[in-house]
PDB file of N, CA and C in Angstrom:
ATOM      1  N   SER A   1     -97.188  65.066 -30.018  1.00  0.00           N
ATOM      2  CA  SER A   1     -95.976  64.762 -29.278  1.00  0.00           C
ATOM      3  C   SER A   1     -95.483  63.343 -29.594  1.00  0.00           C
ATOM      4  N   ILE A   2     -96.395  62.433 -29.884  1.00  0.00           N
ATOM      5  CA  ILE A   2     -95.994  61.063 -30.233  1.00  0.00           C
ATOM      6  C   ILE A   2     -95.153  61.068 -31.502  1.00  0.00           C
ATOM      7  N   LEU A   3     -95.551  61.846 -32.482  1.00  0.00           N
ATOM      8  CA  LEU A   3     -94.788  61.910 -33.727  1.00  0.00           C
ATOM      9  C   LEU A   3     -93.404  62.497 -33.484  1.00  0.00           C
ATOM     10  N   GLU A   4     -93.332  63.571 -32.715  1.00  0.00           N
ATOM     11  CA  GLU A   4     -92.039  64.191 -32.427  1.00  0.00           C
ATOM     12  C   GLU A   4     -91.130  63.243 -31.650  1.00  0.00           C
ATOM     13  N   GLU A   5     -91.686  62.512 -30.712  1.00  0.00           N
ATOM     14  CA  GLU A   5     -90.905  61.547 -29.936  1.00  0.00           C
ATOM     15  C   GLU A   5     -90.309  60.451 -30.816  1.00  0.00           C
ATOM     16  N   ASN A   6     -90.908  60.265 -31.994  1.00  0.00           N
ATOM     17  CA  ASN A   6     -90.432  59.241 -32.920  1.00  0.00           C
ATOM     18  C   ASN A   6     -89.648  59.835 -34.092  1.00  0.00           C
ATOM     19  N   GLY A   7     -89.155  61.056 -33.915  1.00  0.00           N
ATOM     20  CA  GLY A   7     -88.255  61.655 -34.890  1.00  0.00           C
ATOM     21  C   GLY A   7     -88.876  62.466 -36.000  1.00  0.00           C
ATOM     22  N   PHE A   8     -90.185  62.666 -35.981  1.00  0.00           N
ATOM     23  CA  PHE A   8     -90.835  63.455 -37.019  1.00  0.00           C
ATOM     24  C   PHE A   8     -90.788  64.937 -36.674  1.00  0.00           C
ATOM     25  N   VAL A   9     -90.662  65.765 -37.695  1.00  0.00           N
ATOM     26  CA  VAL A   9     -90.764  67.217 -37.528  1.00  0.00           C
ATOM     27  C   VAL A   9     -92.236  67.562 -37.700  1.00  0.00           C
ATOM     28  N   VAL A  10     -92.815  68.218 -36.707  1.00  0.00           N
ATOM     29  CA  VAL A  10     -94.241  68.530 -36.722  1.00  0.00           C
ATOM     30  C   VAL A  10     -94.425  70.050 -36.714  1.00  0.00           C
ATOM     31  N   ARG A  11     -95.233  70.522 -37.630  1.00  0.00           N
ATOM     32  CA  ARG A  11     -95.622  71.935 -37.648  1.00  0.00           C
ATOM     33  C   ARG A  11     -97.124  71.974 -37.452  1.00  0.00           C
ATOM     34  N   THR A  12     -97.594  72.883 -36.631  1.00  0.00           N
ATOM     35  CA  THR A  12     -99.030  72.961 -36.346  1.00  0.00           C
ATOM     36  C   THR A  12     -99.567  74.349 -36.647  1.00  0.00           C
ATOM     37  N   ALA A  13    -100.861  74.399 -36.881  1.00  0.00           N
ATOM     38  CA  ALA A  13    -101.564  75.661 -37.108  1.00  0.00           C
ATOM     39  C   ALA A  13    -102.896  75.578 -36.379  1.00  0.00           C
ATOM     40  N   ASN A  14    -103.350  76.715 -35.878  1.00  0.00           N
ATOM     41  CA  ASN A  14    -104.612  76.765 -35.136  1.00  0.00           C
ATOM     42  C   ASN A  14    -105.829  76.978 -36.018  1.00  0.00           C
ATOM     43  N   GLU A  15    -105.604  77.286 -37.289  1.00  0.00           N
ATOM     44  CA  GLU A  15    -106.733  77.461 -38.202  1.00  0.00           C
ATOM     45  C   GLU A  15    -106.266  77.202 -39.628  1.00  0.00           C
ATOM     46  N   ALA A  16    -107.215  77.032 -40.519  1.00  0.00           N
ATOM     47  CA  ALA A  16    -106.941  76.560 -41.882  1.00  0.00           C
ATOM     48  C   ALA A  16    -106.035  77.490 -42.680  1.00  0.00           C
ATOM     49  N   ALA A  17    -106.257  78.788 -42.611  1.00  0.00           N
ATOM     50  CA  ALA A  17    -105.457  79.719 -43.422  1.00  0.00           C
ATOM     51  C   ALA A  17    -103.981  79.651 -43.045  1.00  0.00           C
ATOM     52  N   THR A  18    -103.690  79.583 -41.759  1.00  0.00           N
ATOM     53  CA  THR A  18    -102.309  79.481 -41.303  1.00  0.00           C
ATOM     54  C   THR A  18    -101.708  78.145 -41.733  1.00  0.00           C
ATOM     55  N   GLY A  19    -102.472  77.081 -41.590  1.00  0.00           N
ATOM     56  CA  GLY A  19    -102.008  75.766 -42.020  1.00  0.00           C
ATOM     57  C   GLY A  19    -101.712  75.730 -43.504  1.00  0.00           C
ATOM     58  N   GLU A  20    -102.593  76.315 -44.290  1.00  0.00           N
ATOM     59  CA  GLU A  20    -102.386  76.330 -45.733  1.00  0.00           C
ATOM     60  C   GLU A  20    -101.108  77.092 -46.086  1.00  0.00           C
ATOM     61  N   GLN A  21    -100.854  78.200 -45.408  1.00  0.00           N
ATOM     62  CA  GLN A  21     -99.642  78.966 -45.676  1.00  0.00           C
ATOM     63  C   GLN A  21     -98.392  78.163 -45.320  1.00  0.00           C
ATOM     64  N   LEU A  22     -98.426  77.454 -44.184  1.00  0.00           N
ATOM     65  CA  LEU A  22     -97.299  76.599 -43.800  1.00  0.00           C
ATOM     66  C   LEU A  22     -97.038  75.534 -44.866  1.00  0.00           C
ATOM     67  N   ILE A  23     -98.103  74.944 -45.373  1.00  0.00           N
ATOM     68  CA  ILE A  23     -98.000  73.894 -46.395  1.00  0.00           C
ATOM     69  C   ILE A  23     -97.386  74.454 -47.672  1.00  0.00           C
ATOM     70  N   ARG A  24     -97.794  75.636 -48.054  1.00  0.00           N
ATOM     71  CA  ARG A  24     -97.272  76.245 -49.284  1.00  0.00           C
ATOM     72  C   ARG A  24     -95.821  76.702 -49.119  1.00  0.00           C
ATOM     73  N   ASP A  25     -95.473  77.198 -47.936  1.00  0.00           N
ATOM     74  CA  ASP A  25     -94.104  77.668 -47.687  1.00  0.00           C
ATOM     75  C   ASP A  25     -93.102  76.515 -47.668  1.00  0.00           C
ATOM     76  N   GLU A  26     -93.503  75.405 -47.086  1.00  0.00           N
ATOM     77  CA  GLU A  26     -92.613  74.246 -46.975  1.00  0.00           C
ATOM     78  C   GLU A  26     -93.465  72.984 -47.038  1.00  0.00           C
ATOM     79  N   PRO A  27     -93.697  72.462 -48.249  1.00  0.00           N
ATOM     80  CA  PRO A  27     -94.576  71.298 -48.402  1.00  0.00           C
ATOM     81  C   PRO A  27     -94.124  70.116 -47.537  1.00  0.00           C
ATOM     82  N   PRO A  28     -95.046  69.567 -46.760  1.00  0.00           N
ATOM     83  CA  PRO A  28     -94.716  68.443 -45.881  1.00  0.00           C
ATOM     84  C   PRO A  28     -94.822  67.103 -46.608  1.00  0.00           C
ATOM     85  N   ASP A  29     -94.393  66.053 -45.915  1.00  0.00           N
ATOM     86  CA  ASP A  29     -94.518  64.698 -46.463  1.00  0.00           C
ATOM     87  C   ASP A  29     -95.935  64.165 -46.314  1.00  0.00           C
ATOM     88  N   ILE A  30     -96.647  64.630 -45.294  1.00  0.00           N
ATOM     89  CA  ILE A  30     -98.028  64.218 -45.033  1.00  0.00           C
ATOM     90  C   ILE A  30     -98.728  65.347 -44.282  1.00  0.00           C
ATOM     91  N   ILE A  31    -100.040  65.430 -44.451  1.00  0.00           N
ATOM     92  CA  ILE A  31    -100.838  66.467 -43.792  1.00  0.00           C
ATOM     93  C   ILE A  31    -101.930  65.791 -42.976  1.00  0.00           C
ATOM     94  N   LEU A  32    -102.026  66.148 -41.705  1.00  0.00           N
ATOM     95  CA  LEU A  32    -103.139  65.725 -40.857  1.00  0.00           C
ATOM     96  C   LEU A  32    -104.056  66.925 -40.713  1.00  0.00           C
ATOM     97  N   ILE A  33    -105.303  66.769 -41.087  1.00  0.00           N
ATOM     98  CA  ILE A  33    -106.255  67.881 -41.074  1.00  0.00           C
ATOM     99  C   ILE A  33    -107.357  67.591 -40.070  1.00  0.00           C
ATOM    100  N   ASP A  34    -107.572  68.543 -39.173  1.00  0.00           N
ATOM    101  CA  ASP A  34    -108.661  68.432 -38.203  1.00  0.00           C
ATOM    102  C   ASP A  34    -109.982  68.748 -38.895  1.00  0.00           C
ATOM    103  N   LEU A  35    -110.909  67.868 -38.786  1.00  0.00           N
ATOM    104  CA  LEU A  35    -112.219  68.045 -39.402  1.00  0.00           C
ATOM    105  C   LEU A  35    -112.932  69.292 -38.903  1.00  0.00           C
ATOM    106  N   MET A  36    -112.798  69.588 -37.615  1.00  0.00           N
ATOM    107  CA  MET A  36    -113.580  70.655 -36.991  1.00  0.00           C
ATOM    108  C   MET A  36    -112.741  71.880 -36.627  1.00  0.00           C
ATOM    109  N   MET A  37    -111.806  72.300 -37.473  1.00  0.00           N
ATOM    110  CA  MET A  37    -110.993  73.471 -37.154  1.00  0.00           C
ATOM    111  C   MET A  37    -111.800  74.758 -37.304  1.00  0.00           C
ATOM    112  N   PRO A  38    -111.378  75.813 -36.598  1.00  0.00           N
ATOM    113  CA  PRO A  38    -112.090  77.093 -36.715  1.00  0.00           C
ATOM    114  C   PRO A  38    -111.870  77.725 -38.090  1.00  0.00           C
ATOM    115  N   GLY A  39    -112.742  78.630 -38.455  1.00  0.00           N
ATOM    116  CA  GLY A  39    -112.649  79.248 -39.782  1.00  0.00           C
ATOM    117  C   GLY A  39    -113.152  78.270 -40.820  1.00  0.00           C
ATOM    118  N   ARG A  40    -112.334  78.023 -41.834  1.00  0.00           N
ATOM    119  CA  ARG A  40    -112.687  77.013 -42.830  1.00  0.00           C
ATOM    120  C   ARG A  40    -112.648  75.639 -42.190  1.00  0.00           C
ATOM    121  N   THR A  41    -113.531  74.772 -42.579  1.00  0.00           N
ATOM    122  CA  THR A  41    -113.536  73.414 -42.035  1.00  0.00           C
ATOM    123  C   THR A  41    -112.400  72.602 -42.655  1.00  0.00           C
ATOM    124  N   GLY A  42    -112.121  71.468 -42.046  1.00  0.00           N
ATOM    125  CA  GLY A  42    -111.126  70.568 -42.593  1.00  0.00           C
ATOM    126  C   GLY A  42    -111.476  70.097 -43.997  1.00  0.00           C
ATOM    127  N   ILE A  43    -112.756  69.880 -44.236  1.00  0.00           N
ATOM    128  CA  ILE A  43    -113.209  69.460 -45.575  1.00  0.00           C
ATOM    129  C   ILE A  43    -112.908  70.552 -46.599  1.00  0.00           C
ATOM    130  N   GLN A  44    -113.163  71.806 -46.235  1.00  0.00           N
ATOM    131  CA  GLN A  44    -112.887  72.913 -47.151  1.00  0.00           C
ATOM    132  C   GLN A  44    -111.389  73.028 -47.447  1.00  0.00           C
ATOM    133  N   LEU A  45    -110.562  72.877 -46.419  1.00  0.00           N
ATOM    134  CA  LEU A  45    -109.118  72.937 -46.629  1.00  0.00           C
ATOM    135  C   LEU A  45    -108.665  71.771 -47.501  1.00  0.00           C
ATOM    136  N   PHE A  46    -109.134  70.571 -47.206  1.00  0.00           N
ATOM    137  CA  PHE A  46    -108.799  69.389 -47.994  1.00  0.00           C
ATOM    138  C   PHE A  46    -109.147  69.611 -49.465  1.00  0.00           C
ATOM    139  N   THR A  47    -110.347  70.093 -49.725  1.00  0.00           N
ATOM    140  CA  THR A  47    -110.815  70.327 -51.094  1.00  0.00           C
ATOM    141  C   THR A  47    -109.933  71.350 -51.805  1.00  0.00           C
ATOM    142  N   ARG A  48    -109.589  72.401 -51.095  1.00  0.00           N
ATOM    143  CA  ARG A  48    -108.733  73.451 -51.672  1.00  0.00           C
ATOM    144  C   ARG A  48    -107.343  72.892 -52.003  1.00  0.00           C
ATOM    145  N   LEU A  49    -106.766  72.131 -51.090  1.00  0.00           N
ATOM    146  CA  LEU A  49    -105.429  71.565 -51.324  1.00  0.00           C
ATOM    147  C   LEU A  49    -105.447  70.538 -52.449  1.00  0.00           C
ATOM    148  N   ARG A  50    -106.487  69.716 -52.508  1.00  0.00           N
ATOM    149  CA  ARG A  50    -106.603  68.705 -53.570  1.00  0.00           C
ATOM    150  C   ARG A  50    -106.804  69.355 -54.944  1.00  0.00           C
ATOM    151  N   GLY A  51    -107.377  70.544 -54.968  1.00  0.00           N
ATOM    152  CA  GLY A  51    -107.628  71.232 -56.225  1.00  0.00           C
ATOM    153  C   GLY A  51    -106.431  71.995 -56.766  1.00  0.00           C
ATOM    154  N   ASP A  52    -105.327  72.002 -56.038  1.00  0.00           N
ATOM    155  CA  ASP A  52    -104.141  72.756 -56.430  1.00  0.00           C
ATOM    156  C   ASP A  52    -103.029  71.785 -56.839  1.00  0.00           C
ATOM    157  N   ALA A  53    -102.478  71.973 -58.026  1.00  0.00           N
ATOM    158  CA  ALA A  53    -101.433  71.079 -58.531  1.00  0.00           C
ATOM    159  C   ALA A  53    -100.216  71.032 -57.606  1.00  0.00           C
ATOM    160  N   ALA A  54     -99.948  72.110 -56.883  1.00  0.00           N
ATOM    161  CA  ALA A  54     -98.776  72.163 -56.004  1.00  0.00           C
ATOM    162  C   ALA A  54     -98.938  71.311 -54.748  1.00  0.00           C
ATOM    163  N   THR A  55    -100.191  71.010 -54.361  1.00  0.00           N
ATOM    164  CA  THR A  55    -100.423  70.288 -53.105  1.00  0.00           C
ATOM    165  C   THR A  55    -101.249  69.012 -53.268  1.00  0.00           C
ATOM    166  N   ARG A  56    -101.789  68.763 -54.436  1.00  0.00           N
ATOM    167  CA  ARG A  56    -102.746  67.654 -54.601  1.00  0.00           C
ATOM    168  C   ARG A  56    -102.164  66.273 -54.356  1.00  0.00           C
ATOM    169  N   ASP A  57    -100.848  66.105 -54.523  1.00  0.00           N
ATOM    170  CA  ASP A  57    -100.261  64.772 -54.373  1.00  0.00           C
ATOM    171  C   ASP A  57     -99.703  64.498 -52.976  1.00  0.00           C
ATOM    172  N   ILE A  58     -99.829  65.464 -52.063  1.00  0.00           N
ATOM    173  CA  ILE A  58     -99.381  65.247 -50.695  1.00  0.00           C
ATOM    174  C   ILE A  58    -100.420  64.370 -49.988  1.00  0.00           C
ATOM    175  N   PRO A  59     -99.995  63.262 -49.366  1.00  0.00           N
ATOM    176  CA  PRO A  59    -100.960  62.436 -48.627  1.00  0.00           C
ATOM    177  C   PRO A  59    -101.616  63.248 -47.511  1.00  0.00           C
ATOM    178  N   MET A  60    -102.922  63.085 -47.359  1.00  0.00           N
ATOM    179  CA  MET A  60    -103.676  63.803 -46.337  1.00  0.00           C
ATOM    180  C   MET A  60    -104.535  62.832 -45.545  1.00  0.00           C
ATOM    181  N   VAL A  61    -104.608  63.059 -44.246  1.00  0.00           N
ATOM    182  CA  VAL A  61    -105.422  62.242 -43.357  1.00  0.00           C
ATOM    183  C   VAL A  61    -106.329  63.180 -42.575  1.00  0.00           C
ATOM    184  N   MET A  62    -107.619  62.925 -42.614  1.00  0.00           N
ATOM    185  CA  MET A  62    -108.586  63.716 -41.861  1.00  0.00           C
ATOM    186  C   MET A  62    -108.725  63.106 -40.469  1.00  0.00           C
ATOM    187  N   VAL A  63    -108.571  63.924 -39.452  1.00  0.00           N
ATOM    188  CA  VAL A  63    -108.689  63.463 -38.068  1.00  0.00           C
ATOM    189  C   VAL A  63    -109.649  64.382 -37.316  1.00  0.00           C
ATOM    190  N   THR A  64    -110.144  63.896 -36.207  1.00  0.00           N
ATOM    191  CA  THR A  64    -110.952  64.736 -35.331  1.00  0.00           C
ATOM    192  C   THR A  64    -110.949  64.111 -33.933  1.00  0.00           C
ATOM    193  N   GLY A  65    -111.210  64.933 -32.981  1.00  0.00           N
ATOM    194  CA  GLY A  65    -111.297  64.467 -31.608  1.00  0.00           C
ATOM    195  C   GLY A  65    -112.736  64.503 -31.153  1.00  0.00           C
ATOM    196  N   ILE A  66    -113.055  63.658 -30.214  1.00  0.00           N
ATOM    197  CA  ILE A  66    -114.400  63.635 -29.645  1.00  0.00           C
ATOM    198  C   ILE A  66    -114.285  63.954 -28.175  1.00  0.00           C
ATOM    199  N   LYS A  67    -115.006  64.958 -27.750  1.00  0.00           N
ATOM    200  CA  LYS A  67    -115.009  65.328 -26.341  1.00  0.00           C
ATOM    201  C   LYS A  67    -116.104  64.536 -25.651  1.00  0.00           C
ATOM    202  N   GLU A  68    -115.703  63.802 -24.638  1.00  0.00           N
ATOM    203  CA  GLU A  68    -116.675  63.011 -23.882  1.00  0.00           C
ATOM    204  C   GLU A  68    -117.375  63.902 -22.857  1.00  0.00           C
ATOM    205  N   HIS A  69    -118.648  63.681 -22.716  1.00  0.00           N
ATOM    206  CA  HIS A  69    -119.430  64.391 -21.697  1.00  0.00           C
ATOM    207  C   HIS A  69    -119.700  63.440 -20.553  1.00  0.00           C
ATOM    208  N   SER A  70    -119.516  63.915 -19.334  1.00  0.00           N
ATOM    209  CA  SER A  70    -119.788  63.033 -18.199  1.00  0.00           C
ATOM    210  C   SER A  70    -121.028  63.441 -17.449  1.00  0.00           C
TER     211      SER A  70
END
C-alpha cells in the first residue's frame, strides 16, 4: 500500500507460478520476491527469472517478513 500511495502500480501474486506469469505478460520495472512464498521458493523463482533472457535484466529485490512470537 505504501508503494501505491506514492503513485506506483503494484501487481501481486500469492504464489510463484502466478507471479511469473504476471511478469511475463507485462514485464515490470522492478520485482519484489518473497523468500518464503508457497510452492516454489523465492530463491527458485529468482533463479528461474535470472536464467531467462526476457527477464534477467529486471531489477529484483528479495524480501521476507518475520512473524514475532509473544
